[in-house]
Amino acid sequence: MPEYDSNVLVSVAILDKEYRIACKEDEQEDLRASAQYLDRRMREVRQNGRIIGADRIAVMAALNISHDLLEQRRAQTARELALNDRIHALQTKIEQILAPQAPT
């Protein structure tokens, strides 16, 4: 008989509203951290803008979070490309050093 991860109900508060969300037992802390992060971002949107209504605040917070994620992905890609260039340059140097020297 296959084993199934047991789900638990976790209560989280987002923008002063309580939600009960089912998640795997070993993911509870990540869910709480995600909810706290979302709550913080939604409060920032509410405080910094003229946006009224939890739905609109949630959409703006989601757009801000998505923008941040895309920026981080672009930065990660740039770092990976730079690292690959550096590795290629080092490999070329190593090959040049290890290549047999032609007699002069």
N, C-alpha and C. Protein backbone atom coordinates (compact mmCIF):
# COMPACT_ATOMS: atom_id res chain seq x y z
N MET A 1 0.84 -1.18 0.00
CA MET A 1 0.00 0.00 0.00
C MET A 1 0.89 1.24 0.00
N PRO A 2 0.66 2.21 -0.92
CA PRO A 2 1.52 3.40 -0.98
C PRO A 2 1.32 4.30 0.22
N GLU A 3 2.41 4.95 0.60
CA GLU A 3 2.33 5.90 1.71
C GLU A 3 1.99 7.27 1.16
N TYR A 4 1.12 8.00 1.86
CA TYR A 4 0.76 9.34 1.47
C TYR A 4 1.22 10.30 2.55
N ASP A 5 1.71 11.46 2.13
CA ASP A 5 2.07 12.48 3.10
C ASP A 5 0.79 12.97 3.74
N SER A 6 0.81 13.09 5.05
CA SER A 6 -0.39 13.56 5.73
C SER A 6 -0.46 15.07 5.63
N ASN A 7 -1.65 15.56 5.35
CA ASN A 7 -1.87 16.98 5.28
C ASN A 7 -2.38 17.48 6.62
N VAL A 8 -2.00 18.70 6.94
CA VAL A 8 -2.48 19.34 8.16
C VAL A 8 -3.06 20.68 7.77
N LEU A 9 -3.95 21.18 8.59
CA LEU A 9 -4.51 22.52 8.39
C LEU A 9 -3.68 23.51 9.18
N VAL A 10 -3.25 24.54 8.48
CA VAL A 10 -2.43 25.58 9.11
C VAL A 10 -3.20 26.88 9.03
N SER A 11 -3.28 27.60 10.14
CA SER A 11 -3.93 28.91 10.17
C SER A 11 -2.88 29.98 9.95
N VAL A 12 -3.17 30.86 9.00
CA VAL A 12 -2.29 32.00 8.74
C VAL A 12 -3.15 33.25 8.65
N ALA A 13 -2.54 34.39 8.99
CA ALA A 13 -3.24 35.67 8.89
C ALA A 13 -2.58 36.50 7.81
N ILE A 14 -3.41 36.95 6.88
CA ILE A 14 -2.93 37.81 5.80
C ILE A 14 -3.84 39.02 5.75
N LEU A 15 -3.26 40.17 5.98
CA LEU A 15 -3.98 41.44 5.98
C LEU A 15 -5.21 41.37 6.88
N ASP A 16 -4.94 40.93 8.11
CA ASP A 16 -5.95 40.86 9.17
C ASP A 16 -7.09 39.89 8.91
N LYS A 17 -6.89 38.98 7.99
CA LYS A 17 -7.90 37.95 7.74
C LYS A 17 -7.26 36.59 7.95
N GLU A 18 -7.98 35.72 8.62
CA GLU A 18 -7.48 34.39 8.96
C GLU A 18 -7.84 33.41 7.85
N TYR A 19 -6.86 32.60 7.46
CA TYR A 19 -7.06 31.56 6.46
C TYR A 19 -6.57 30.23 7.03
N ARG A 20 -7.30 29.17 6.73
CA ARG A 20 -6.87 27.82 7.09
C ARG A 20 -6.54 27.11 5.80
N ILE A 21 -5.28 26.68 5.71
CA ILE A 21 -4.78 26.12 4.47
C ILE A 21 -4.20 24.74 4.73
N ALA A 22 -4.57 23.80 3.89
CA ALA A 22 -4.04 22.44 4.01
C ALA A 22 -2.67 22.38 3.32
N CYS A 23 -1.73 21.75 4.00
CA CYS A 23 -0.42 21.55 3.41
C CYS A 23 0.20 20.30 4.01
N LYS A 24 1.27 19.85 3.38
CA LYS A 24 1.98 18.69 3.92
C LYS A 24 2.60 19.08 5.25
N GLU A 25 2.68 18.12 6.13
CA GLU A 25 3.17 18.38 7.47
C GLU A 25 4.57 19.01 7.47
N ASP A 26 5.42 18.54 6.57
CA ASP A 26 6.79 19.05 6.54
C ASP A 26 6.92 20.40 5.83
N GLU A 27 5.82 20.96 5.35
CA GLU A 27 5.84 22.25 4.66
C GLU A 27 5.20 23.37 5.47
N GLN A 28 4.85 23.10 6.71
CA GLN A 28 4.16 24.09 7.53
C GLN A 28 4.95 25.38 7.72
N GLU A 29 6.21 25.25 8.03
CA GLU A 29 7.03 26.44 8.28
C GLU A 29 7.18 27.28 7.01
N ASP A 30 7.34 26.63 5.87
CA ASP A 30 7.42 27.37 4.62
C ASP A 30 6.12 28.10 4.32
N LEU A 31 5.00 27.45 4.59
CA LEU A 31 3.70 28.10 4.38
C LEU A 31 3.55 29.31 5.29
N ARG A 32 3.92 29.16 6.54
CA ARG A 32 3.83 30.30 7.47
C ARG A 32 4.74 31.45 7.04
N ALA A 33 5.95 31.11 6.63
CA ALA A 33 6.88 32.14 6.17
C ALA A 33 6.35 32.83 4.91
N SER A 34 5.78 32.07 4.00
CA SER A 34 5.21 32.65 2.78
C SER A 34 4.04 33.57 3.11
N ALA A 35 3.20 33.15 4.03
CA ALA A 35 2.06 33.98 4.43
C ALA A 35 2.53 35.27 5.10
N GLN A 36 3.54 35.17 5.94
CA GLN A 36 4.07 36.37 6.59
C GLN A 36 4.68 37.32 5.57
N TYR A 37 5.38 36.78 4.59
CA TYR A 37 5.97 37.61 3.54
C TYR A 37 4.87 38.30 2.73
N LEU A 38 3.85 37.54 2.34
CA LEU A 38 2.74 38.12 1.58
C LEU A 38 2.02 39.19 2.40
N ASP A 39 1.79 38.91 3.67
CA ASP A 39 1.14 39.89 4.55
C ASP A 39 1.95 41.19 4.60
N ARG A 40 3.26 41.05 4.75
CA ARG A 40 4.13 42.23 4.81
C ARG A 40 4.07 43.03 3.50
N ARG A 41 4.12 42.32 2.36
CA ARG A 41 4.07 43.00 1.07
C ARG A 41 2.72 43.67 0.83
N MET A 42 1.64 43.01 1.24
CA MET A 42 0.31 43.60 1.07
C MET A 42 0.16 44.85 1.94
N ARG A 43 0.70 44.80 3.13
CA ARG A 43 0.65 45.98 4.00
C ARG A 43 1.45 47.13 3.40
N GLU A 44 2.59 46.83 2.79
CA GLU A 44 3.37 47.88 2.12
C GLU A 44 2.56 48.52 1.00
N VAL A 45 1.89 47.70 0.20
CA VAL A 45 1.07 48.22 -0.90
C VAL A 45 -0.03 49.11 -0.35
N ARG A 46 -0.68 48.63 0.69
CA ARG A 46 -1.78 49.40 1.29
C ARG A 46 -1.29 50.73 1.85
N GLN A 47 -0.12 50.73 2.50
CA GLN A 47 0.41 51.94 3.11
C GLN A 47 0.97 52.92 2.08
N ASN A 48 1.53 52.42 1.01
CA ASN A 48 2.23 53.26 0.05
C ASN A 48 1.37 53.76 -1.11
N GLY A 49 0.17 53.25 -1.23
CA GLY A 49 -0.61 53.62 -2.40
C GLY A 49 -2.01 54.06 -2.04
N ARG A 50 -2.72 54.32 -3.09
CA ARG A 50 -4.12 54.72 -2.95
C ARG A 50 -5.04 53.56 -3.28
N ILE A 51 -4.52 52.38 -3.15
CA ILE A 51 -5.28 51.19 -3.53
C ILE A 51 -6.17 50.79 -2.36
N ILE A 52 -7.43 50.59 -2.69
CA ILE A 52 -8.42 50.21 -1.68
C ILE A 52 -8.99 48.85 -2.07
N GLY A 53 -9.19 48.02 -1.10
CA GLY A 53 -9.77 46.71 -1.33
C GLY A 53 -8.71 45.63 -1.31
N ALA A 54 -9.00 44.60 -0.55
CA ALA A 54 -8.04 43.50 -0.37
C ALA A 54 -7.70 42.83 -1.69
N ASP A 55 -8.67 42.69 -2.59
CA ASP A 55 -8.40 42.04 -3.88
C ASP A 55 -7.38 42.84 -4.68
N ARG A 56 -7.56 44.13 -4.76
CA ARG A 56 -6.63 44.97 -5.52
C ARG A 56 -5.26 45.01 -4.86
N ILE A 57 -5.26 45.07 -3.55
CA ILE A 57 -3.99 45.05 -2.82
C ILE A 57 -3.26 43.74 -3.08
N ALA A 58 -3.99 42.63 -3.07
CA ALA A 58 -3.39 41.32 -3.32
C ALA A 58 -2.80 41.25 -4.72
N VAL A 59 -3.52 41.79 -5.71
CA VAL A 59 -3.02 41.77 -7.09
C VAL A 59 -1.76 42.62 -7.20
N MET A 60 -1.75 43.79 -6.61
CA MET A 60 -0.56 44.65 -6.67
C MET A 60 0.62 44.00 -5.96
N ALA A 61 0.36 43.39 -4.81
CA ALA A 61 1.43 42.70 -4.08
C ALA A 61 1.96 41.53 -4.92
N ALA A 62 1.05 40.79 -5.56
CA ALA A 62 1.48 39.67 -6.42
C ALA A 62 2.31 40.18 -7.59
N LEU A 63 1.91 41.29 -8.19
CA LEU A 63 2.70 41.87 -9.28
C LEU A 63 4.08 42.30 -8.80
N ASN A 64 4.14 42.92 -7.62
CA ASN A 64 5.43 43.34 -7.07
C ASN A 64 6.33 42.14 -6.79
N ILE A 65 5.76 41.10 -6.21
CA ILE A 65 6.52 39.89 -5.90
C ILE A 65 7.00 39.23 -7.19
N SER A 66 6.12 39.17 -8.19
CA SER A 66 6.49 38.58 -9.47
C SER A 66 7.61 39.37 -10.13
N HIS A 67 7.53 40.68 -10.06
CA HIS A 67 8.58 41.54 -10.61
C HIS A 67 9.91 41.26 -9.92
N ASP A 68 9.88 41.18 -8.59
CA ASP A 68 11.10 40.88 -7.83
C ASP A 68 11.68 39.53 -8.25
N LEU A 69 10.81 38.54 -8.40
CA LEU A 69 11.26 37.20 -8.80
C LEU A 69 11.92 37.23 -10.18
N LEU A 70 11.30 37.93 -11.12
CA LEU A 70 11.86 38.02 -12.46
C LEU A 70 13.20 38.74 -12.45
N GLU A 71 13.33 39.79 -11.65
CA GLU A 71 14.62 40.48 -11.53
C GLU A 71 15.69 39.55 -10.97
N GLN A 72 15.32 38.77 -9.96
CA GLN A 72 16.28 37.84 -9.37
C GLN A 72 16.68 36.77 -10.37
N ARG A 73 15.73 36.29 -11.15
CA ARG A 73 16.05 35.28 -12.18
C ARG A 73 17.00 35.86 -13.22
N ARG A 74 16.74 37.09 -13.65
CA ARG A 74 17.64 37.73 -14.62
C ARG A 74 19.03 37.89 -14.05
N ALA A 75 19.10 38.32 -12.80
CA ALA A 75 20.41 38.50 -12.16
C ALA A 75 21.12 37.15 -12.02
N GLN A 76 20.38 36.11 -11.68
CA GLN A 76 20.96 34.77 -11.55
C GLN A 76 21.47 34.29 -12.90
N THR A 77 20.70 34.54 -13.95
CA THR A 77 21.14 34.15 -15.29
C THR A 77 22.42 34.88 -15.67
N ALA A 78 22.48 36.16 -15.37
CA ALA A 78 23.69 36.94 -15.67
C ALA A 78 24.89 36.40 -14.89
N ARG A 79 24.68 36.06 -13.63
CA ARG A 79 25.77 35.48 -12.82
C ARG A 79 26.22 34.15 -13.41
N GLU A 80 25.27 33.33 -13.82
CA GLU A 80 25.61 32.02 -14.40
C GLU A 80 26.38 32.19 -15.71
N LEU A 81 25.97 33.14 -16.54
CA LEU A 81 26.68 33.38 -17.79
C LEU A 81 28.10 33.86 -17.52
N ALA A 82 28.26 34.76 -16.56
CA ALA A 82 29.60 35.26 -16.22
C ALA A 82 30.45 34.12 -15.67
N LEU A 83 29.88 33.28 -14.84
CA LEU A 83 30.61 32.14 -14.30
C LEU A 83 31.01 31.17 -15.40
N ASN A 84 30.10 30.91 -16.34
CA ASN A 84 30.42 30.02 -17.46
C ASN A 84 31.54 30.59 -18.31
N ASP A 85 31.51 31.91 -18.54
CA ASP A 85 32.59 32.55 -19.29
C ASP A 85 33.92 32.40 -18.56
N ARG A 86 33.90 32.58 -17.27
CA ARG A 86 35.12 32.46 -16.46
C ARG A 86 35.65 31.03 -16.49
N ILE A 87 34.76 30.06 -16.35
CA ILE A 87 35.16 28.65 -16.41
C ILE A 87 35.76 28.32 -17.77
N HIS A 88 35.12 28.79 -18.83
CA HIS A 88 35.64 28.55 -20.18
C HIS A 88 37.04 29.15 -20.34
N ALA A 89 37.22 30.37 -19.84
CA ALA A 89 38.54 31.02 -19.93
C ALA A 89 39.58 30.22 -19.16
N LEU A 90 39.22 29.73 -17.98
CA LEU A 90 40.16 28.93 -17.18
C LEU A 90 40.48 27.61 -17.88
N GLN A 91 39.46 26.98 -18.47
CA GLN A 91 39.70 25.73 -19.19
C GLN A 91 40.65 25.96 -20.35
N THR A 92 40.46 27.05 -21.05
CA THR A 92 41.35 27.37 -22.17
C THR A 92 42.77 27.55 -21.69
N LYS A 93 42.96 28.26 -20.60
CA LYS A 93 44.31 28.46 -20.04
C LYS A 93 44.94 27.14 -19.63
N ILE A 94 44.15 26.29 -18.98
CA ILE A 94 44.66 24.99 -18.54
C ILE A 94 45.07 24.16 -19.75
N GLU A 95 44.24 24.14 -20.78
CA GLU A 95 44.56 23.37 -22.00
C GLU A 95 45.83 23.90 -22.65
N GLN A 96 46.00 25.22 -22.67
CA GLN A 96 47.22 25.80 -23.24
C GLN A 96 48.45 25.40 -22.45
N ILE A 97 48.32 25.40 -21.14
CA ILE A 97 49.46 25.03 -20.29
C ILE A 97 49.81 23.55 -20.43
N LEU A 98 48.80 22.72 -20.50
CA LEU A 98 49.02 21.27 -20.56
C LEU A 98 49.32 20.76 -21.96
N ALA A 99 49.05 21.56 -22.97
CA ALA A 99 49.30 21.12 -24.35
C ALA A 99 50.80 20.89 -24.55
N PRO A 100 51.13 19.82 -25.26
CA PRO A 100 52.57 19.59 -25.51
C PRO A 100 53.15 20.73 -26.32
N GLN A 101 54.32 21.12 -25.91
CA GLN A 101 55.01 22.22 -26.60
C GLN A 101 55.68 21.69 -27.87
N ALA A 102 55.53 22.42 -28.93
CA ALA A 102 56.19 22.04 -30.19
C ALA A 102 57.66 22.35 -30.07
N PRO A 103 58.51 21.43 -30.54
CA PRO A 103 59.94 21.71 -30.46
C PRO A 103 60.30 22.91 -31.33
N THR A 104 61.23 23.69 -30.83
CA THR A 104 61.66 24.88 -31.58
C THR A 104 62.97 24.64 -32.27
